[in-house]
Amino acid sequence: MNINIKVYLHSKGTKFLQSGSFPVLNSDFKKDPDRTATFAAYEWIQKIKISFAASEDFRIDRVIYNEDIDITELVKKVKHI
């Protein structure tokens, strides 16, 4: 199955939005949808950071999936795991 993710980011003094559809395992999503979406979003944000050569002021402002489910704080905590 696919989930839609939107990330609102800040880098190099500019705010920007990236959105996309990502495949996730249906069984994982049924078991814990927020966790599954969080890891998909985190991996994607890491790719964005690399492709945009993110600056030191890079930050995650907001992360939502499936239009209205906010997982911002969960994604920010991933780097602490």
PDB file of N, CA and C in Angstrom:
ATOM      1  N   MET A   1       0.831  -1.175   0.000  1.00  0.00           N
ATOM      2  CA  MET A   1       0.000   0.000   0.000  1.00  0.00           C
ATOM      3  C   MET A   1       0.875   1.238   0.000  1.00  0.00           C
ATOM      4  N   ASN A   2       0.306   2.371  -0.360  1.00  0.00           N
ATOM      5  CA  ASN A   2       1.033   3.636  -0.374  1.00  0.00           C
ATOM      6  C   ASN A   2       0.419   4.605   0.625  1.00  0.00           C
ATOM      7  N   ILE A   3       1.280   5.439   1.197  1.00  0.00           N
ATOM      8  CA  ILE A   3       0.814   6.541   2.034  1.00  0.00           C
ATOM      9  C   ILE A   3       1.340   7.841   1.440  1.00  0.00           C
ATOM     10  N   ASN A   4       0.605   8.906   1.630  1.00  0.00           N
ATOM     11  CA  ASN A   4       1.017  10.228   1.161  1.00  0.00           C
ATOM     12  C   ASN A   4       1.651  10.980   2.315  1.00  0.00           C
ATOM     13  N   ILE A   5       2.825  11.534   2.053  1.00  0.00           N
ATOM     14  CA  ILE A   5       3.556  12.264   3.089  1.00  0.00           C
ATOM     15  C   ILE A   5       3.866  13.663   2.582  1.00  0.00           C
ATOM     16  N   LYS A   6       3.702  14.651   3.471  1.00  0.00           N
ATOM     17  CA  LYS A   6       4.114  16.023   3.198  1.00  0.00           C
ATOM     18  C   LYS A   6       5.087  16.440   4.290  1.00  0.00           C
ATOM     19  N   VAL A   7       6.207  16.997   3.874  1.00  0.00           N
ATOM     20  CA  VAL A   7       7.182  17.505   4.838  1.00  0.00           C
ATOM     21  C   VAL A   7       7.413  18.985   4.579  1.00  0.00           C
ATOM     22  N   TYR A   8       7.341  19.734   5.641  1.00  0.00           N
ATOM     23  CA  TYR A   8       7.614  21.173   5.596  1.00  0.00           C
ATOM     24  C   TYR A   8       8.971  21.355   6.259  1.00  0.00           C
ATOM     25  N   LEU A   9       9.927  21.829   5.464  1.00  0.00           N
ATOM     26  CA  LEU A   9      11.303  21.906   5.919  1.00  0.00           C
ATOM     27  C   LEU A   9      11.836  23.330   5.812  1.00  0.00           C
ATOM     28  N   HIS A  10      12.967  23.556   6.455  1.00  0.00           N
ATOM     29  CA  HIS A  10      13.648  24.847   6.396  1.00  0.00           C
ATOM     30  C   HIS A  10      15.129  24.567   6.181  1.00  0.00           C
ATOM     31  N   SER A  11      15.715  25.236   5.203  1.00  0.00           N
ATOM     32  CA  SER A  11      17.145  25.098   4.944  1.00  0.00           C
ATOM     33  C   SER A  11      17.634  26.321   4.180  1.00  0.00           C
ATOM     34  N   LYS A  12      18.807  26.762   4.527  1.00  0.00           N
ATOM     35  CA  LYS A  12      19.428  27.909   3.860  1.00  0.00           C
ATOM     36  C   LYS A  12      18.511  29.130   3.869  1.00  0.00           C
ATOM     37  N   GLY A  13      17.832  29.337   4.999  1.00  0.00           N
ATOM     38  CA  GLY A  13      16.977  30.497   5.160  1.00  0.00           C
ATOM     39  C   GLY A  13      15.659  30.429   4.410  1.00  0.00           C
ATOM     40  N   THR A  14      15.329  29.286   3.852  1.00  0.00           N
ATOM     41  CA  THR A  14      14.118  29.151   3.043  1.00  0.00           C
ATOM     42  C   THR A  14      13.250  28.009   3.557  1.00  0.00           C
ATOM     43  N   LYS A  15      11.941  28.261   3.605  1.00  0.00           N
ATOM     44  CA  LYS A  15      10.991  27.197   3.947  1.00  0.00           C
ATOM     45  C   LYS A  15      10.505  26.567   2.657  1.00  0.00           C
ATOM     46  N   PHE A  16      10.353  25.242   2.656  1.00  0.00           N
ATOM     47  CA  PHE A  16       9.836  24.581   1.466  1.00  0.00           C
ATOM     48  C   PHE A  16       9.047  23.341   1.838  1.00  0.00           C
ATOM     49  N   LEU A  17       8.228  22.911   0.894  1.00  0.00           N
ATOM     50  CA  LEU A  17       7.367  21.749   1.057  1.00  0.00           C
ATOM     51  C   LEU A  17       7.748  20.700   0.030  1.00  0.00           C
ATOM     52  N   GLN A  18       7.823  19.464   0.467  1.00  0.00           N
ATOM     53  CA  GLN A  18       8.005  18.328  -0.417  1.00  0.00           C
ATOM     54  C   GLN A  18       6.878  17.349  -0.099  1.00  0.00           C
ATOM     55  N   SER A  19       6.305  16.761  -1.127  1.00  0.00           N
ATOM     56  CA  SER A  19       5.261  15.771  -0.890  1.00  0.00           C
ATOM     57  C   SER A  19       5.435  14.614  -1.855  1.00  0.00           C
ATOM     58  N   GLY A  20       4.948  13.453  -1.433  1.00  0.00           N
ATOM     59  CA  GLY A  20       5.051  12.285  -2.286  1.00  0.00           C
ATOM     60  C   GLY A  20       4.275  11.116  -1.728  1.00  0.00           C
ATOM     61  N   SER A  21       4.215  10.073  -2.517  1.00  0.00           N
ATOM     62  CA  SER A  21       3.534   8.842  -2.142  1.00  0.00           C
ATOM     63  C   SER A  21       4.588   7.759  -1.948  1.00  0.00           C
ATOM     64  N   PHE A  22       4.471   7.003  -0.856  1.00  0.00           N
ATOM     65  CA  PHE A  22       5.503   6.034  -0.505  1.00  0.00           C
ATOM     66  C   PHE A  22       4.913   4.667  -0.196  1.00  0.00           C
ATOM     67  N   PRO A  23       5.539   3.618  -0.711  1.00  0.00           N
ATOM     68  CA  PRO A  23       5.056   2.268  -0.414  1.00  0.00           C
ATOM     69  C   PRO A  23       5.457   1.846   0.997  1.00  0.00           C
ATOM     70  N   VAL A  24       4.527   1.238   1.698  1.00  0.00           N
ATOM     71  CA  VAL A  24       4.800   0.668   3.018  1.00  0.00           C
ATOM     72  C   VAL A  24       4.138  -0.711   3.066  1.00  0.00           C
ATOM     73  N   LEU A  25       4.636  -1.550   3.936  1.00  0.00           N
ATOM     74  CA  LEU A  25       4.029  -2.868   4.096  1.00  0.00           C
ATOM     75  C   LEU A  25       2.664  -2.726   4.758  1.00  0.00           C
ATOM     76  N   ASN A  26       1.681  -3.317   4.154  1.00  0.00           N
ATOM     77  CA  ASN A  26       0.320  -3.240   4.669  1.00  0.00           C
ATOM     78  C   ASN A  26       0.237  -3.786   6.093  1.00  0.00           C
ATOM     79  N   SER A  27       0.939  -4.888   6.349  1.00  0.00           N
ATOM     80  CA  SER A  27       0.907  -5.493   7.687  1.00  0.00           C
ATOM     81  C   SER A  27       1.514  -4.565   8.738  1.00  0.00           C
ATOM     82  N   ASP A  28       2.620  -3.900   8.402  1.00  0.00           N
ATOM     83  CA  ASP A  28       3.238  -2.950   9.336  1.00  0.00           C
ATOM     84  C   ASP A  28       2.311  -1.777   9.598  1.00  0.00           C
ATOM     85  N   PHE A  29       1.687  -1.275   8.525  1.00  0.00           N
ATOM     86  CA  PHE A  29       0.812  -0.118   8.657  1.00  0.00           C
ATOM     87  C   PHE A  29      -0.407  -0.454   9.513  1.00  0.00           C
ATOM     88  N   LYS A  30      -0.974  -1.630   9.338  1.00  0.00           N
ATOM     89  CA  LYS A  30      -2.139  -2.028  10.145  1.00  0.00           C
ATOM     90  C   LYS A  30      -1.761  -2.170  11.614  1.00  0.00           C
ATOM     91  N   LYS A  31      -0.551  -2.664  11.866  1.00  0.00           N
ATOM     92  CA  LYS A  31      -0.091  -2.876  13.237  1.00  0.00           C
ATOM     93  C   LYS A  31       0.172  -1.535  13.942  1.00  0.00           C
ATOM     94  N   ASP A  32       0.874  -0.619  13.278  1.00  0.00           N
ATOM     95  CA  ASP A  32       1.225   0.674  13.884  1.00  0.00           C
ATOM     96  C   ASP A  32       1.401   1.709  12.783  1.00  0.00           C
ATOM     97  N   PRO A  33       0.310   2.343  12.353  1.00  0.00           N
ATOM     98  CA  PRO A  33       0.386   3.269  11.220  1.00  0.00           C
ATOM     99  C   PRO A  33       1.317   4.462  11.449  1.00  0.00           C
ATOM    100  N   ASP A  34       1.287   5.045  12.648  1.00  0.00           N
ATOM    101  CA  ASP A  34       2.143   6.208  12.901  1.00  0.00           C
ATOM    102  C   ASP A  34       3.619   5.842  12.834  1.00  0.00           C
ATOM    103  N   ARG A  35       3.970   4.714  13.413  1.00  0.00           N
ATOM    104  CA  ARG A  35       5.374   4.289  13.402  1.00  0.00           C
ATOM    105  C   ARG A  35       5.842   4.003  11.976  1.00  0.00           C
ATOM    106  N   THR A  36       5.014   3.325  11.209  1.00  0.00           N
ATOM    107  CA  THR A  36       5.357   2.996   9.829  1.00  0.00           C
ATOM    108  C   THR A  36       5.542   4.270   9.008  1.00  0.00           C
ATOM    109  N   ALA A  37       4.634   5.217   9.159  1.00  0.00           N
ATOM    110  CA  ALA A  37       4.728   6.487   8.439  1.00  0.00           C
ATOM    111  C   ALA A  37       5.932   7.291   8.910  1.00  0.00           C
ATOM    112  N   THR A  38       6.219   7.238  10.196  1.00  0.00           N
ATOM    113  CA  THR A  38       7.357   7.979  10.754  1.00  0.00           C
ATOM    114  C   THR A  38       8.667   7.531  10.122  1.00  0.00           C
ATOM    115  N   PHE A  39       8.883   6.225  10.032  1.00  0.00           N
ATOM    116  CA  PHE A  39      10.137   5.745   9.466  1.00  0.00           C
ATOM    117  C   PHE A  39      10.233   6.009   7.967  1.00  0.00           C
ATOM    118  N   ALA A  40       9.116   5.921   7.269  1.00  0.00           N
ATOM    119  CA  ALA A  40       9.115   6.256   5.840  1.00  0.00           C
ATOM    120  C   ALA A  40       9.473   7.726   5.648  1.00  0.00           C
ATOM    121  N   ALA A  41       8.871   8.593   6.457  1.00  0.00           N
ATOM    122  CA  ALA A  41       9.141  10.033   6.360  1.00  0.00           C
ATOM    123  C   ALA A  41      10.587  10.345   6.728  1.00  0.00           C
ATOM    124  N   TYR A  42      11.085   9.729   7.786  1.00  0.00           N
ATOM    125  CA  TYR A  42      12.456   9.994   8.222  1.00  0.00           C
ATOM    126  C   TYR A  42      13.466   9.621   7.137  1.00  0.00           C
ATOM    127  N   GLU A  43      13.297   8.448   6.553  1.00  0.00           N
ATOM    128  CA  GLU A  43      14.213   8.017   5.488  1.00  0.00           C
ATOM    129  C   GLU A  43      14.168   8.984   4.312  1.00  0.00           C
ATOM    130  N   TRP A  44      12.987   9.433   3.961  1.00  0.00           N
ATOM    131  CA  TRP A  44      12.840  10.361   2.844  1.00  0.00           C
ATOM    132  C   TRP A  44      13.489  11.708   3.166  1.00  0.00           C
ATOM    133  N   ILE A  45      13.306  12.190   4.384  1.00  0.00           N
ATOM    134  CA  ILE A  45      13.916  13.464   4.785  1.00  0.00           C
ATOM    135  C   ILE A  45      15.434  13.370   4.713  1.00  0.00           C
ATOM    136  N   GLN A  46      15.996  12.224   5.083  1.00  0.00           N
ATOM    137  CA  GLN A  46      17.450  12.063   4.990  1.00  0.00           C
ATOM    138  C   GLN A  46      17.909  12.163   3.535  1.00  0.00           C
ATOM    139  N   LYS A  47      17.139  11.602   2.620  1.00  0.00           N
ATOM    140  CA  LYS A  47      17.477  11.704   1.190  1.00  0.00           C
ATOM    141  C   LYS A  47      17.360  13.149   0.706  1.00  0.00           C
ATOM    142  N   ILE A  48      16.352  13.856   1.183  1.00  0.00           N
ATOM    143  CA  ILE A  48      16.177  15.266   0.823  1.00  0.00           C
ATOM    144  C   ILE A  48      17.377  16.071   1.318  1.00  0.00           C
ATOM    145  N   LYS A  49      17.802  15.829   2.547  1.00  0.00           N
ATOM    146  CA  LYS A  49      18.950  16.554   3.101  1.00  0.00           C
ATOM    147  C   LYS A  49      20.186  16.371   2.236  1.00  0.00           C
ATOM    148  N   ILE A  50      20.404  15.156   1.782  1.00  0.00           N
ATOM    149  CA  ILE A  50      21.579  14.872   0.956  1.00  0.00           C
ATOM    150  C   ILE A  50      21.456  15.537  -0.418  1.00  0.00           C
ATOM    151  N   SER A  51      20.301  15.406  -1.043  1.00  0.00           N
ATOM    152  CA  SER A  51      20.141  15.937  -2.399  1.00  0.00           C
ATOM    153  C   SER A  51      20.144  17.463  -2.449  1.00  0.00           C
ATOM    154  N   PHE A  52      19.709  18.103  -1.375  1.00  0.00           N
ATOM    155  CA  PHE A  52      19.696  19.562  -1.352  1.00  0.00           C
ATOM    156  C   PHE A  52      20.918  20.143  -0.660  1.00  0.00           C
ATOM    157  N   ALA A  53      21.841  19.299  -0.251  1.00  0.00           N
ATOM    158  CA  ALA A  53      23.024  19.752   0.479  1.00  0.00           C
ATOM    159  C   ALA A  53      22.597  20.688   1.608  1.00  0.00           C
ATOM    160  N   ALA A  54      21.796  20.160   2.502  1.00  0.00           N
ATOM    161  CA  ALA A  54      21.193  20.951   3.576  1.00  0.00           C
ATOM    162  C   ALA A  54      22.234  21.707   4.387  1.00  0.00           C
ATOM    163  N   SER A  55      21.851  22.876   4.793  1.00  0.00           N
ATOM    164  CA  SER A  55      22.739  23.737   5.568  1.00  0.00           C
ATOM    165  C   SER A  55      22.592  23.456   7.065  1.00  0.00           C
ATOM    166  N   GLU A  56      23.403  24.152   7.851  1.00  0.00           N
ATOM    167  CA  GLU A  56      23.366  23.956   9.299  1.00  0.00           C
ATOM    168  C   GLU A  56      22.034  24.382   9.905  1.00  0.00           C
ATOM    169  N   ASP A  57      21.293  25.251   9.214  1.00  0.00           N
ATOM    170  CA  ASP A  57      20.002  25.687   9.761  1.00  0.00           C
ATOM    171  C   ASP A  57      18.856  24.766   9.345  1.00  0.00           C
ATOM    172  N   PHE A  58      19.174  23.600   8.782  1.00  0.00           N
ATOM    173  CA  PHE A  58      18.143  22.651   8.355  1.00  0.00           C
ATOM    174  C   PHE A  58      17.287  22.250   9.547  1.00  0.00           C
ATOM    175  N   ARG A  59      15.974  22.282   9.345  1.00  0.00           N
ATOM    176  CA  ARG A  59      15.081  21.828  10.396  1.00  0.00           C
ATOM    177  C   ARG A  59      13.791  21.284   9.785  1.00  0.00           C
ATOM    178  N   ILE A  60      13.157  20.440  10.549  1.00  0.00           N
ATOM    179  CA  ILE A  60      11.867  19.876  10.171  1.00  0.00           C
ATOM    180  C   ILE A  60      10.802  20.715  10.866  1.00  0.00           C
ATOM    181  N   ASP A  61       9.954  21.377  10.082  1.00  0.00           N
ATOM    182  CA  ASP A  61       8.896  22.185  10.670  1.00  0.00           C
ATOM    183  C   ASP A  61       7.613  21.396  10.900  1.00  0.00           C
ATOM    184  N   ARG A  62       7.257  20.548   9.951  1.00  0.00           N
ATOM    185  CA  ARG A  62       6.014  19.781  10.085  1.00  0.00           C
ATOM    186  C   ARG A  62       6.066  18.570   9.159  1.00  0.00           C
ATOM    187  N   VAL A  63       5.534  17.457   9.636  1.00  0.00           N
ATOM    188  CA  VAL A  63       5.418  16.237   8.834  1.00  0.00           C
ATOM    189  C   VAL A  63       4.015  15.689   9.030  1.00  0.00           C
ATOM    190  N   ILE A  64       3.297  15.491   7.923  1.00  0.00           N
ATOM    191  CA  ILE A  64       1.962  14.908   8.003  1.00  0.00           C
ATOM    192  C   ILE A  64       1.843  13.783   6.981  1.00  0.00           C
ATOM    193  N   TYR A  65       0.974  12.846   7.275  1.00  0.00           N
ATOM    194  CA  TYR A  65       0.700  11.800   6.294  1.00  0.00           C
ATOM    195  C   TYR A  65      -0.803  11.629   6.151  1.00  0.00           C
ATOM    196  N   ASN A  66      -1.173  11.141   4.971  1.00  0.00           N
ATOM    197  CA  ASN A  66      -2.582  10.937   4.623  1.00  0.00           C
ATOM    198  C   ASN A  66      -3.437  12.164   4.950  1.00  0.00           C
ATOM    199  N   GLU A  67      -2.925  13.310   4.554  1.00  0.00           N
ATOM    200  CA  GLU A  67      -3.595  14.611   4.576  1.00  0.00           C
ATOM    201  C   GLU A  67      -3.672  15.309   5.918  1.00  0.00           C
ATOM    202  N   ASP A  68      -3.844  14.595   7.044  1.00  0.00           N
ATOM    203  CA  ASP A  68      -4.064  15.338   8.281  1.00  0.00           C
ATOM    204  C   ASP A  68      -3.482  14.717   9.552  1.00  0.00           C
ATOM    205  N   ILE A  69      -2.689  13.676   9.420  1.00  0.00           N
ATOM    206  CA  ILE A  69      -2.141  13.035  10.615  1.00  0.00           C
ATOM    207  C   ILE A  69      -0.724  13.558  10.838  1.00  0.00           C
ATOM    208  N   ASP A  70      -0.570  14.334  11.907  1.00  0.00           N
ATOM    209  CA  ASP A  70       0.694  15.004  12.203  1.00  0.00           C
ATOM    210  C   ASP A  70       1.625  14.072  12.968  1.00  0.00           C
ATOM    211  N   ILE A  71       2.792  13.815  12.393  1.00  0.00           N
ATOM    212  CA  ILE A  71       3.799  12.958  13.034  1.00  0.00           C
ATOM    213  C   ILE A  71       5.121  13.705  13.225  1.00  0.00           C
ATOM    214  N   THR A  72       5.040  15.012  13.269  1.00  0.00           N
ATOM    215  CA  THR A  72       6.246  15.841  13.362  1.00  0.00           C
ATOM    216  C   THR A  72       7.134  15.435  14.527  1.00  0.00           C
ATOM    217  N   GLU A  73       6.573  15.360  15.709  1.00  0.00           N
ATOM    218  CA  GLU A  73       7.380  15.062  16.894  1.00  0.00           C
ATOM    219  C   GLU A  73       7.952  13.649  16.837  1.00  0.00           C
ATOM    220  N   LEU A  74       7.200  12.717  16.291  1.00  0.00           N
ATOM    221  CA  LEU A  74       7.705  11.346  16.156  1.00  0.00           C
ATOM    222  C   LEU A  74       8.913  11.302  15.230  1.00  0.00           C
ATOM    223  N   VAL A  75       8.842  12.026  14.110  1.00  0.00           N
ATOM    224  CA  VAL A  75       9.960  12.044  13.163  1.00  0.00           C
ATOM    225  C   VAL A  75      11.181  12.702  13.799  1.00  0.00           C
ATOM    226  N   LYS A  76      10.974  13.772  14.539  1.00  0.00           N
ATOM    227  CA  LYS A  76      12.106  14.458  15.185  1.00  0.00           C
ATOM    228  C   LYS A  76      12.787  13.565  16.211  1.00  0.00           C
ATOM    229  N   LYS A  77      12.039  12.662  16.832  1.00  0.00           N
ATOM    230  CA  LYS A  77      12.608  11.768  17.841  1.00  0.00           C
ATOM    231  C   LYS A  77      13.391  10.603  17.234  1.00  0.00           C
ATOM    232  N   VAL A  78      13.178  10.288  15.974  1.00  0.00           N
ATOM    233  CA  VAL A  78      13.839   9.145  15.346  1.00  0.00           C
ATOM    234  C   VAL A  78      15.350   9.259  15.460  1.00  0.00           C
ATOM    235  N   LYS A  79      15.898  10.425  15.254  1.00  0.00           N
ATOM    236  CA  LYS A  79      17.361  10.567  15.288  1.00  0.00           C
ATOM    237  C   LYS A  79      17.931  10.308  16.679  1.00  0.00           C
ATOM    238  N   HIS A  80      17.076  10.265  17.689  1.00  0.00           N
ATOM    239  CA  HIS A  80      17.539   9.999  19.051  1.00  0.00           C
ATOM    240  C   HIS A  80      17.496   8.510  19.387  1.00  0.00           C
ATOM    241  N   ILE A  81      16.959   7.699  18.460  1.00  0.00           N
ATOM    242  CA  ILE A  81      16.841   6.256  18.723  1.00  0.00           C
ATOM    243  C   ILE A  81      18.159   5.578  18.363  1.00  0.00           C
TER     244      ILE A  81
END
